[in-house]
Amino acid sequence: MTASAASSAPETAFDPVHNAQLMRRATYAAVAVALLLIFSKGVAFWLTGSVAMLGTLIDSLLDGSASLLNLVAVRHALTPADHEHRFGHGKAEALAGLGQSIFIFGSAGYIIFEAVMRILNPAPVANSAVGIAVTVFAIVLTLFLVAYQRRVVAQTNSLAIEADSIHYRGDLFMNISVILALGLSGLFNIYWADPLFGLVIAGMIAWSATQIAMNSYNQLMDRELSDAEREQIKAIALQHSDVINIHDLRTRAAGVNTFIQFHLELDPSMTLMKAHHISDDVEADILAAFPGAEVIIHQDPAGIEELTRLQRV
């Protein structure tokens, strides 16, 4: 890695300290909203007995548990790299996301069970107006939280906050489903609507869990960045007039941390000092496109890779 990368990189909007504060505030906001929704939906379920309301109550309970887990995970993920964890603690976010997906899958299964039982044993929904009022309140509160989370994710690229935001966004559709279920069951005596919408909510919860699990798995398994991002890195490196080629590009992400490494092919007759300066320039350009990334560049004489391959053959 070029030693003077930090000094040669241009200033960007990336601010690790500010981003850490944003991530912590987002976790506090999510926990506070979840607790408020749990209380209000618990009262609404007690008054209505609605399966759809039970579904969204359980989802909020799990949201609260997941958000609390996120709070702990984000705090750990933001801990600076130390002697035993040279690459930082970013994978704590992916572990939290995987834990969330397990919670969410469990909630979907329970809602399906309750919905099937209600289909087999239909029952009217009481005090539907109260349930609708509470659900409208939940929609407004969740909209504010999701808007804030999206802003934080755009600034920090945090997997844990994105995972939290995914199922809160799903809550918006669930709450609309609850309003329809309460209206049809409580106001128009269409009893099957409540468990039917409960099943729809369970399906949405399961889909959210699948997305979170896949994103977490990809980070834990050190999946490469997207093809578009890899091509962008190559293009940035090759735009330097003294760079002949690059090879062995490797990338991965861990929480908010991105790791990029590759071999830079340069003129074999070039001095080591000039090669070092070129590498610094390339690294600065990459950091401008990927703020906060850890970039490791190894300088190679052009053609050495092909020569080494032929020698091995």
Protein backbone atom coordinates (compact mmCIF):
# COMPACT_ATOMS: atom_id res chain seq x y z
CA MET A 1 0.00 0.00 0.00
CA THR A 2 1.35 3.44 -0.81
CA ALA A 3 2.24 5.20 2.38
CA SER A 4 1.25 8.71 1.37
CA ALA A 5 -2.23 7.89 0.09
CA ALA A 6 -3.97 9.83 2.80
CA SER A 7 -1.99 12.97 2.12
CA SER A 8 -2.29 12.75 -1.66
CA ALA A 9 -6.01 11.95 -1.79
CA PRO A 10 -8.28 14.91 -2.49
CA GLU A 11 -10.71 16.02 0.13
CA THR A 12 -14.16 14.47 -0.19
CA ALA A 13 -17.44 14.66 1.64
CA PHE A 14 -16.59 11.40 3.42
CA ASP A 15 -16.24 12.02 7.14
CA PRO A 16 -15.81 8.84 9.24
CA VAL A 17 -16.57 10.58 12.52
CA HIS A 18 -19.75 12.23 11.20
CA ASN A 19 -20.85 8.98 9.55
CA ALA A 20 -20.35 7.07 12.80
CA GLN A 21 -22.55 9.62 14.58
CA LEU A 22 -25.23 9.27 11.89
CA MET A 23 -25.21 5.49 12.20
CA ARG A 24 -25.51 5.60 15.99
CA ARG A 25 -28.36 8.12 15.82
CA ALA A 26 -30.16 5.95 13.28
CA THR A 27 -29.98 2.95 15.61
CA TYR A 28 -31.28 5.02 18.55
CA ALA A 29 -34.14 6.34 16.41
CA ALA A 30 -35.08 2.83 15.24
CA VAL A 31 -35.19 1.46 18.79
CA ALA A 32 -37.29 4.41 20.01
CA VAL A 33 -39.78 4.08 17.14
CA ALA A 34 -40.02 0.31 17.61
CA LEU A 35 -40.81 0.67 21.33
CA LEU A 36 -43.52 3.24 20.61
CA LEU A 37 -45.06 1.06 17.89
CA ILE A 38 -44.98 -2.05 20.10
CA PHE A 39 -46.94 -0.27 22.80
CA SER A 40 -49.53 1.26 20.47
CA LYS A 41 -50.04 -1.92 18.42
CA GLY A 42 -50.23 -4.02 21.59
CA VAL A 43 -53.12 -1.88 22.80
CA ALA A 44 -54.77 -2.06 19.37
CA PHE A 45 -54.48 -5.88 19.22
CA TRP A 46 -55.90 -6.19 22.73
CA LEU A 47 -58.91 -4.14 21.66
CA THR A 48 -59.45 -5.66 18.18
CA GLY A 49 -58.24 -9.26 18.31
CA SER A 50 -57.21 -8.90 14.64
CA VAL A 51 -54.76 -11.43 13.16
CA ALA A 52 -53.46 -8.75 10.79
CA MET A 53 -52.86 -6.47 13.78
CA LEU A 54 -51.18 -9.38 15.59
CA GLY A 55 -48.93 -9.82 12.56
CA THR A 56 -47.82 -6.21 12.53
CA LEU A 57 -47.44 -6.27 16.34
CA ILE A 58 -45.14 -9.30 16.15
CA ASP A 59 -43.25 -7.64 13.33
CA SER A 60 -42.74 -4.55 15.49
CA LEU A 61 -41.58 -6.74 18.38
CA LEU A 62 -39.02 -8.31 16.10
CA ASP A 63 -38.16 -4.91 14.64
CA GLY A 64 -37.42 -3.75 18.16
CA SER A 65 -35.26 -6.80 18.88
CA ALA A 66 -33.46 -6.45 15.56
CA SER A 67 -32.95 -2.71 16.03
CA LEU A 68 -31.54 -3.31 19.50
CA LEU A 69 -29.22 -5.94 18.01
CA ASN A 70 -28.28 -3.41 15.33
CA LEU A 71 -27.48 -0.81 17.97
CA VAL A 72 -25.00 -3.17 19.63
CA ALA A 73 -23.61 -4.42 16.29
CA VAL A 74 -23.11 -0.95 14.84
CA ARG A 75 -21.29 0.20 17.97
CA HIS A 76 -19.02 -2.84 17.66
CA ALA A 77 -18.58 -2.44 13.89
CA LEU A 78 -17.47 1.17 14.35
CA THR A 79 -14.73 0.13 16.76
CA PRO A 80 -11.40 1.00 15.09
CA ALA A 81 -9.13 -1.77 13.85
CA ASP A 82 -6.86 -3.16 16.56
CA HIS A 83 -3.94 -5.58 16.84
CA GLU A 84 -6.21 -8.64 16.73
CA HIS A 85 -8.61 -7.28 14.07
CA ARG A 86 -6.43 -5.54 11.49
CA PHE A 87 -9.31 -5.21 9.02
CA GLY A 88 -11.64 -3.67 11.59
CA HIS A 89 -14.92 -5.01 12.96
CA GLY A 90 -17.19 -4.29 9.99
CA LYS A 91 -18.47 -7.86 9.68
CA ALA A 92 -20.36 -7.38 12.93
CA GLU A 93 -22.95 -5.61 10.76
CA ALA A 94 -23.32 -8.62 8.50
CA LEU A 95 -23.69 -10.93 11.51
CA ALA A 96 -26.40 -8.62 12.87
CA GLY A 97 -28.17 -8.70 9.51
CA LEU A 98 -28.07 -12.51 9.48
CA GLY A 99 -29.47 -12.57 13.01
CA GLN A 100 -32.26 -10.21 11.95
CA SER A 101 -33.25 -12.46 9.05
CA ILE A 102 -33.66 -15.42 11.42
CA PHE A 103 -35.91 -13.36 13.69
CA ILE A 104 -37.97 -12.16 10.73
CA PHE A 105 -38.41 -15.66 9.24
CA GLY A 106 -39.66 -16.84 12.64
CA SER A 107 -42.24 -14.07 12.81
CA ALA A 108 -43.51 -14.90 9.32
CA GLY A 109 -44.04 -18.53 10.33
CA TYR A 110 -45.99 -17.58 13.44
CA ILE A 111 -48.25 -15.19 11.53
CA ILE A 112 -49.00 -17.89 8.94
CA PHE A 113 -49.99 -20.28 11.74
CA GLU A 114 -52.33 -17.72 13.33
CA ALA A 115 -53.85 -16.79 9.96
CA VAL A 116 -54.59 -20.43 9.08
CA MET A 117 -56.21 -20.97 12.48
CA ARG A 118 -58.39 -17.88 11.95
CA ILE A 119 -59.41 -19.09 8.47
CA LEU A 120 -60.47 -22.41 10.01
CA ASN A 121 -62.23 -20.62 12.88
CA PRO A 122 -63.55 -17.26 11.60
CA ALA A 123 -64.11 -14.53 14.16
CA PRO A 124 -65.21 -10.88 13.89
CA VAL A 125 -62.82 -8.01 14.47
CA ALA A 126 -63.82 -5.64 17.28
CA ASN A 127 -63.06 -1.92 17.62
CA SER A 128 -61.72 -1.74 14.07
CA ALA A 129 -61.75 2.08 14.15
CA VAL A 130 -59.22 2.07 17.00
CA GLY A 131 -57.02 -0.34 15.09
CA ILE A 132 -57.18 1.80 11.96
CA ALA A 133 -56.26 4.95 13.91
CA VAL A 134 -53.27 3.24 15.52
CA THR A 135 -52.15 1.89 12.14
CA VAL A 136 -52.30 5.35 10.54
CA PHE A 137 -50.16 6.64 13.42
CA ALA A 138 -47.70 3.79 12.78
CA ILE A 139 -47.51 4.66 9.06
CA VAL A 140 -46.69 8.32 9.77
CA LEU A 141 -44.06 7.44 12.37
CA THR A 142 -42.48 4.78 10.14
CA LEU A 143 -42.36 7.18 7.17
CA PHE A 144 -40.26 9.62 9.19
CA LEU A 145 -37.94 6.83 10.36
CA VAL A 146 -37.47 5.34 6.87
CA ALA A 147 -36.72 8.77 5.39
CA TYR A 148 -34.04 9.33 8.03
CA GLN A 149 -32.59 5.83 7.56
CA ARG A 150 -32.38 6.30 3.78
CA ARG A 151 -30.45 9.52 4.30
CA VAL A 152 -28.04 7.76 6.66
CA VAL A 153 -27.55 4.81 4.27
CA ALA A 154 -26.88 7.18 1.37
CA GLN A 155 -24.18 8.87 3.45
CA THR A 156 -22.62 5.82 5.14
CA ASN A 157 -23.49 2.79 2.97
CA SER A 158 -24.19 0.88 6.20
CA LEU A 159 -25.50 -2.67 5.71
CA ALA A 160 -26.97 -2.82 9.21
CA ILE A 161 -28.95 0.40 8.79
CA GLU A 162 -30.03 -0.71 5.30
CA ALA A 163 -31.22 -4.05 6.71
CA ASP A 164 -33.18 -2.22 9.41
CA SER A 165 -34.66 0.10 6.79
CA ILE A 166 -35.75 -2.79 4.54
CA HIS A 167 -38.16 -4.27 7.03
CA TYR A 168 -39.37 -0.87 8.21
CA ARG A 169 -40.19 -0.07 4.57
CA GLY A 170 -42.01 -3.37 4.45
CA ASP A 171 -43.95 -2.24 7.51
CA LEU A 172 -45.48 0.57 5.45
CA PHE A 173 -47.13 -1.93 3.10
CA MET A 174 -48.08 -4.15 6.02
CA ASN A 175 -49.80 -1.28 7.78
CA ILE A 176 -51.80 -0.48 4.66
CA SER A 177 -52.80 -4.14 4.53
CA VAL A 178 -53.88 -3.96 8.17
CA ILE A 179 -56.10 -0.97 7.44
CA LEU A 180 -57.76 -2.87 4.58
CA ALA A 181 -58.14 -5.97 6.74
CA LEU A 182 -59.66 -4.04 9.65
CA GLY A 183 -61.97 -2.13 7.34
CA LEU A 184 -63.26 -5.19 5.50
CA SER A 185 -63.55 -7.38 8.60
CA GLY A 186 -64.73 -4.86 11.16
CA LEU A 187 -66.87 -2.53 9.06
CA PHE A 188 -68.18 -4.88 6.33
CA ASN A 189 -68.13 -8.23 8.21
CA ILE A 190 -65.89 -9.90 5.61
CA TYR A 191 -64.22 -12.13 8.17
CA TRP A 192 -61.83 -13.92 5.81
CA ALA A 193 -60.14 -10.62 4.88
CA ASP A 194 -58.29 -10.38 8.21
CA PRO A 195 -56.45 -13.74 8.03
CA LEU A 196 -55.94 -13.36 4.27
CA PHE A 197 -54.13 -10.07 4.72
CA GLY A 198 -52.25 -11.70 7.58
CA LEU A 199 -50.88 -14.24 5.09
CA VAL A 200 -49.91 -11.44 2.69
CA ILE A 201 -48.04 -9.70 5.50
CA ALA A 202 -46.24 -12.94 6.37
CA GLY A 203 -45.11 -13.29 2.76
CA MET A 204 -43.77 -9.73 2.73
CA ILE A 205 -41.90 -10.33 5.97
CA ALA A 206 -40.33 -13.52 4.57
CA TRP A 207 -39.22 -11.69 1.40
CA SER A 208 -37.57 -8.97 3.49
CA ALA A 209 -35.77 -11.63 5.52
CA THR A 210 -34.48 -13.25 2.32
CA GLN A 211 -33.01 -9.95 1.09
CA ILE A 212 -31.32 -9.28 4.42
CA ALA A 213 -29.92 -12.83 4.64
CA MET A 214 -28.46 -12.70 1.11
CA ASN A 215 -26.80 -9.30 1.67
CA SER A 216 -25.33 -10.50 4.97
CA TYR A 217 -24.14 -13.79 3.47
CA ASN A 218 -22.40 -11.98 0.61
CA GLN A 219 -20.44 -9.80 3.02
CA LEU A 220 -19.51 -12.67 5.33
CA MET A 221 -18.25 -14.65 2.33
CA ASP A 222 -16.24 -11.66 1.02
CA ARG A 223 -18.17 -11.39 -2.22
CA GLU A 224 -16.61 -9.07 -4.78
CA LEU A 225 -18.05 -5.62 -5.39
CA SER A 226 -20.46 -5.36 -8.32
CA ASP A 227 -19.15 -5.75 -11.88
CA ALA A 228 -19.91 -2.08 -12.51
CA GLU A 229 -17.82 -1.00 -9.51
CA ARG A 230 -14.94 -3.27 -10.52
CA GLU A 231 -15.00 -1.87 -14.05
CA GLN A 232 -15.01 1.63 -12.56
CA ILE A 233 -11.89 0.83 -10.54
CA LYS A 234 -10.14 -0.52 -13.63
CA ALA A 235 -11.10 2.54 -15.67
CA ILE A 236 -9.83 4.90 -12.97
CA ALA A 237 -6.48 3.11 -12.82
CA LEU A 238 -6.05 2.92 -16.59
CA GLN A 239 -6.88 6.58 -17.16
CA HIS A 240 -3.46 7.51 -15.78
CA SER A 241 -1.14 8.06 -18.75
CA ASP A 242 1.74 6.06 -17.20
CA VAL A 243 -0.34 2.99 -16.29
CA ILE A 244 -0.02 0.19 -18.84
CA ASN A 245 -2.42 -2.32 -17.27
CA ILE A 246 -3.68 -3.77 -13.99
CA HIS A 247 -4.24 -7.34 -12.87
CA ASP A 248 -5.32 -9.39 -9.82
CA LEU A 249 -8.05 -6.91 -8.83
CA ARG A 250 -9.66 -8.06 -5.60
CA THR A 251 -12.45 -6.29 -3.73
CA ARG A 252 -14.71 -6.90 -0.77
CA ALA A 253 -16.85 -5.05 1.75
CA ALA A 254 -17.28 -5.43 5.51
CA GLY A 255 -19.93 -3.18 6.99
CA VAL A 256 -19.10 0.37 5.93
CA ASN A 257 -15.55 -0.62 5.02
CA THR A 258 -14.50 -1.32 1.42
CA PHE A 259 -11.23 -3.06 0.55
CA ILE A 260 -9.62 -2.76 -2.89
CA GLN A 261 -6.32 -4.26 -3.98
CA PHE A 262 -4.62 -4.85 -7.34
CA HIS A 263 -1.31 -4.96 -9.18
CA LEU A 264 -0.39 -1.91 -11.26
CA GLU A 265 1.69 -2.58 -14.38
CA LEU A 266 4.23 0.15 -15.17
CA ASP A 267 7.21 0.71 -17.45
CA PRO A 268 9.99 -1.70 -16.30
CA SER A 269 12.64 1.02 -16.73
CA MET A 270 10.83 3.42 -14.42
CA THR A 271 12.46 4.39 -11.11
CA LEU A 272 10.91 3.11 -7.91
CA MET A 273 10.26 6.68 -6.78
CA LYS A 274 8.30 7.52 -9.94
CA ALA A 275 6.34 4.25 -9.65
CA HIS A 276 5.50 5.21 -6.08
CA HIS A 277 4.19 8.64 -7.13
CA ILE A 278 2.07 7.15 -9.92
CA SER A 279 0.62 4.64 -7.48
CA ASP A 280 -0.22 7.49 -5.10
CA ASP A 281 -2.02 9.33 -7.90
CA VAL A 282 -4.04 6.27 -8.87
CA GLU A 283 -4.93 5.59 -5.25
CA ALA A 284 -6.08 9.18 -4.75
CA ASP A 285 -8.35 8.91 -7.81
CA ILE A 286 -9.87 5.67 -6.52
CA LEU A 287 -10.45 7.17 -3.07
CA ALA A 288 -12.27 10.06 -4.72
CA ALA A 289 -14.72 7.54 -6.21
CA PHE A 290 -14.78 5.20 -3.18
CA PRO A 291 -14.38 7.47 -0.12
CA GLY A 292 -13.00 5.77 2.97
CA ALA A 293 -11.92 2.61 1.12
CA GLU A 294 -8.69 0.86 2.02
CA VAL A 295 -6.69 0.64 -1.22
CA ILE A 296 -3.64 -1.61 -1.55
CA ILE A 297 -1.60 -1.28 -4.76
CA HIS A 298 1.39 -3.38 -5.74
CA GLN A 299 3.60 -2.02 -8.53
CA ASP A 300 4.76 -4.52 -11.18
CA PRO A 301 6.99 -4.12 -14.26
CA ALA A 302 4.73 -4.46 -17.29
CA GLY A 303 4.86 -7.97 -18.74
CA ILE A 304 6.11 -9.63 -15.56
CA GLU A 305 2.75 -11.35 -15.03
CA GLU A 306 2.88 -12.97 -18.47
CA LEU A 307 6.53 -13.95 -17.98
CA THR A 308 5.74 -15.53 -14.63
CA ARG A 309 2.85 -17.46 -16.15
CA LEU A 310 5.05 -18.80 -18.97
CA GLN A 311 7.72 -19.84 -16.47
CA ARG A 312 5.14 -21.78 -14.51
CA VAL A 313 3.96 -23.52 -17.68
